[in-house]
N, C-alpha and C. Protein backbone atom coordinates (compact mmCIF):
# COMPACT_ATOMS: atom_id res chain seq x y z
N MET A 1 0.85 -1.18 0.00
CA MET A 1 0.00 0.00 0.00
C MET A 1 0.90 1.24 0.00
N THR A 2 0.54 2.21 -0.81
CA THR A 2 1.31 3.44 -0.92
C THR A 2 0.51 4.59 -0.32
N PHE A 3 1.21 5.44 0.42
CA PHE A 3 0.57 6.59 1.07
C PHE A 3 1.22 7.87 0.58
N ASP A 4 0.44 8.94 0.62
CA ASP A 4 0.94 10.28 0.33
C ASP A 4 0.85 11.07 1.64
N PHE A 5 1.82 10.83 2.51
CA PHE A 5 1.80 11.45 3.83
C PHE A 5 2.10 12.94 3.74
N PRO A 6 1.40 13.76 4.54
CA PRO A 6 1.70 15.19 4.56
C PRO A 6 3.07 15.43 5.24
N ALA A 7 3.73 16.47 4.82
CA ALA A 7 5.06 16.80 5.34
C ALA A 7 5.11 16.90 6.87
N PRO A 8 4.11 17.52 7.52
CA PRO A 8 4.18 17.61 8.98
C PRO A 8 4.18 16.24 9.67
N LEU A 9 3.44 15.29 9.13
CA LEU A 9 3.41 13.95 9.72
C LEU A 9 4.75 13.24 9.50
N LEU A 10 5.32 13.40 8.33
CA LEU A 10 6.64 12.82 8.06
C LEU A 10 7.69 13.44 8.98
N ALA A 11 7.59 14.74 9.22
CA ALA A 11 8.54 15.41 10.10
C ALA A 11 8.40 14.91 11.53
N LEU A 12 7.17 14.69 11.99
CA LEU A 12 6.95 14.16 13.34
C LEU A 12 7.56 12.77 13.48
N GLU A 13 7.32 11.91 12.51
CA GLU A 13 7.87 10.56 12.58
C GLU A 13 9.40 10.59 12.50
N SER A 14 9.95 11.49 11.71
CA SER A 14 11.41 11.63 11.63
C SER A 14 11.98 12.05 12.98
N ARG A 15 11.32 12.99 13.63
CA ARG A 15 11.76 13.43 14.95
C ARG A 15 11.68 12.28 15.96
N ALA A 16 10.58 11.52 15.90
CA ALA A 16 10.44 10.38 16.81
C ALA A 16 11.54 9.35 16.56
N TRP A 17 11.83 9.07 15.31
CA TRP A 17 12.86 8.09 14.98
C TRP A 17 14.23 8.56 15.46
N GLU A 18 14.53 9.84 15.31
CA GLU A 18 15.79 10.39 15.82
C GLU A 18 15.85 10.25 17.34
N GLU A 19 14.75 10.55 18.01
CA GLU A 19 14.71 10.43 19.47
C GLU A 19 14.87 8.98 19.91
N ILE A 20 14.24 8.06 19.19
CA ILE A 20 14.38 6.64 19.52
C ILE A 20 15.83 6.21 19.40
N GLN A 21 16.47 6.59 18.31
CA GLN A 21 17.86 6.21 18.09
C GLN A 21 18.79 6.80 19.14
N ALA A 22 18.45 7.97 19.65
CA ALA A 22 19.27 8.62 20.68
C ALA A 22 18.89 8.15 22.09
N GLY A 23 17.86 7.32 22.19
CA GLY A 23 17.42 6.83 23.50
C GLY A 23 16.71 7.88 24.33
N ARG A 24 16.04 8.82 23.66
CA ARG A 24 15.38 9.90 24.40
C ARG A 24 14.00 10.24 23.85
N LEU A 25 13.26 9.25 23.41
CA LEU A 25 11.90 9.49 22.92
C LEU A 25 11.04 10.04 24.05
N THR A 26 10.38 11.16 23.78
CA THR A 26 9.54 11.76 24.80
C THR A 26 8.08 11.33 24.60
N VAL A 27 7.33 11.41 25.68
CA VAL A 27 5.91 11.10 25.61
C VAL A 27 5.21 12.07 24.67
N ALA A 28 5.61 13.32 24.70
CA ALA A 28 4.99 14.33 23.84
C ALA A 28 5.18 13.99 22.36
N THR A 29 6.38 13.59 21.99
CA THR A 29 6.64 13.24 20.59
C THR A 29 5.85 11.99 20.21
N ALA A 30 5.89 10.98 21.04
CA ALA A 30 5.17 9.74 20.76
C ALA A 30 3.67 10.01 20.62
N HIS A 31 3.14 10.84 21.49
CA HIS A 31 1.71 11.17 21.44
C HIS A 31 1.37 11.94 20.16
N ALA A 32 2.23 12.88 19.78
CA ALA A 32 1.98 13.67 18.57
C ALA A 32 1.95 12.77 17.34
N VAL A 33 2.88 11.82 17.27
CA VAL A 33 2.90 10.90 16.14
C VAL A 33 1.64 10.04 16.14
N HIS A 34 1.30 9.51 17.30
CA HIS A 34 0.11 8.66 17.41
C HIS A 34 -1.13 9.43 16.97
N GLN A 35 -1.26 10.65 17.41
CA GLN A 35 -2.41 11.49 17.05
C GLN A 35 -2.45 11.75 15.55
N GLY A 36 -1.29 12.05 14.99
CA GLY A 36 -1.21 12.30 13.55
C GLY A 36 -1.57 11.08 12.74
N VAL A 37 -1.10 9.92 13.18
CA VAL A 37 -1.42 8.66 12.50
C VAL A 37 -2.92 8.39 12.57
N ALA A 38 -3.49 8.56 13.75
CA ALA A 38 -4.93 8.31 13.93
C ALA A 38 -5.76 9.24 13.06
N GLU A 39 -5.40 10.51 12.99
CA GLU A 39 -6.13 11.47 12.17
C GLU A 39 -6.01 11.14 10.69
N TYR A 40 -4.81 10.78 10.25
CA TYR A 40 -4.61 10.43 8.85
C TYR A 40 -5.39 9.17 8.50
N ALA A 41 -5.35 8.18 9.39
CA ALA A 41 -6.08 6.93 9.16
C ALA A 41 -7.57 7.19 9.03
N GLU A 42 -8.11 7.99 9.92
CA GLU A 42 -9.54 8.28 9.88
C GLU A 42 -9.92 9.03 8.60
N ALA A 43 -9.11 10.00 8.23
CA ALA A 43 -9.41 10.80 7.04
C ALA A 43 -9.29 9.99 5.75
N SER A 44 -8.37 9.04 5.74
CA SER A 44 -8.14 8.26 4.52
C SER A 44 -8.93 6.96 4.47
N GLY A 45 -9.53 6.58 5.61
CA GLY A 45 -10.31 5.34 5.64
C GLY A 45 -9.46 4.09 5.64
N VAL A 46 -8.23 4.21 6.10
CA VAL A 46 -7.30 3.09 6.15
C VAL A 46 -7.06 2.74 7.61
N ALA A 47 -6.81 1.47 7.89
CA ALA A 47 -6.55 1.03 9.26
C ALA A 47 -5.35 1.77 9.84
N ARG A 48 -5.47 2.19 11.09
CA ARG A 48 -4.40 2.92 11.76
C ARG A 48 -3.09 2.14 11.72
N TYR A 49 -3.15 0.84 11.93
CA TYR A 49 -1.94 0.01 11.92
C TYR A 49 -1.23 0.11 10.57
N ASP A 50 -1.98 0.04 9.48
CA ASP A 50 -1.39 0.12 8.15
C ASP A 50 -0.76 1.49 7.91
N VAL A 51 -1.41 2.53 8.38
CA VAL A 51 -0.85 3.88 8.26
C VAL A 51 0.44 3.98 9.06
N GLU A 52 0.43 3.48 10.29
CA GLU A 52 1.62 3.56 11.13
C GLU A 52 2.79 2.81 10.51
N MET A 53 2.54 1.61 10.01
CA MET A 53 3.61 0.82 9.41
C MET A 53 4.13 1.49 8.13
N GLY A 54 3.22 2.05 7.34
CA GLY A 54 3.63 2.76 6.13
C GLY A 54 4.47 3.99 6.43
N LEU A 55 4.08 4.70 7.48
CA LEU A 55 4.82 5.90 7.88
C LEU A 55 6.21 5.54 8.36
N LYS A 56 6.30 4.52 9.20
CA LYS A 56 7.62 4.09 9.69
C LYS A 56 8.50 3.66 8.53
N GLN A 57 7.94 2.91 7.59
CA GLN A 57 8.73 2.46 6.46
C GLN A 57 9.17 3.65 5.60
N ALA A 58 8.28 4.61 5.39
CA ALA A 58 8.63 5.78 4.58
C ALA A 58 9.79 6.55 5.19
N VAL A 59 9.76 6.73 6.50
CA VAL A 59 10.81 7.50 7.16
C VAL A 59 12.09 6.69 7.30
N ARG A 60 11.98 5.48 7.78
CA ARG A 60 13.17 4.68 8.05
C ARG A 60 13.81 4.15 6.77
N HIS A 61 13.00 3.81 5.78
CA HIS A 61 13.55 3.30 4.52
C HIS A 61 14.29 4.40 3.77
N SER A 62 13.72 5.60 3.75
CA SER A 62 14.38 6.70 3.05
C SER A 62 15.69 7.06 3.73
N GLU A 63 15.73 6.96 5.06
CA GLU A 63 16.96 7.25 5.81
C GLU A 63 18.02 6.20 5.49
N ALA A 64 17.64 4.94 5.39
CA ALA A 64 18.58 3.87 5.08
C ALA A 64 19.14 4.04 3.67
N ALA A 65 18.31 4.49 2.74
CA ALA A 65 18.75 4.69 1.36
C ALA A 65 19.75 5.85 1.26
N GLU A 66 19.57 6.86 2.13
CA GLU A 66 20.48 8.01 2.12
C GLU A 66 21.82 7.67 2.72
N GLY A 67 21.82 6.81 3.75
CA GLY A 67 23.04 6.49 4.49
C GLY A 67 23.84 5.48 3.83
């Protein structure tokens, strides 16, 4: 499944991924990502789990390709 995620949601997930890698993920960041995923899922009619997995893949896969 392919998604067209808005830039703010991609930025939130990127920030969360950076925080996870640094061992300092905050509740505020995690909550913001969760909220963004839930809103996107509801608006697009796609399961939240599928949106979350697609978002993680979009952010983490693009980072792996760059590195």
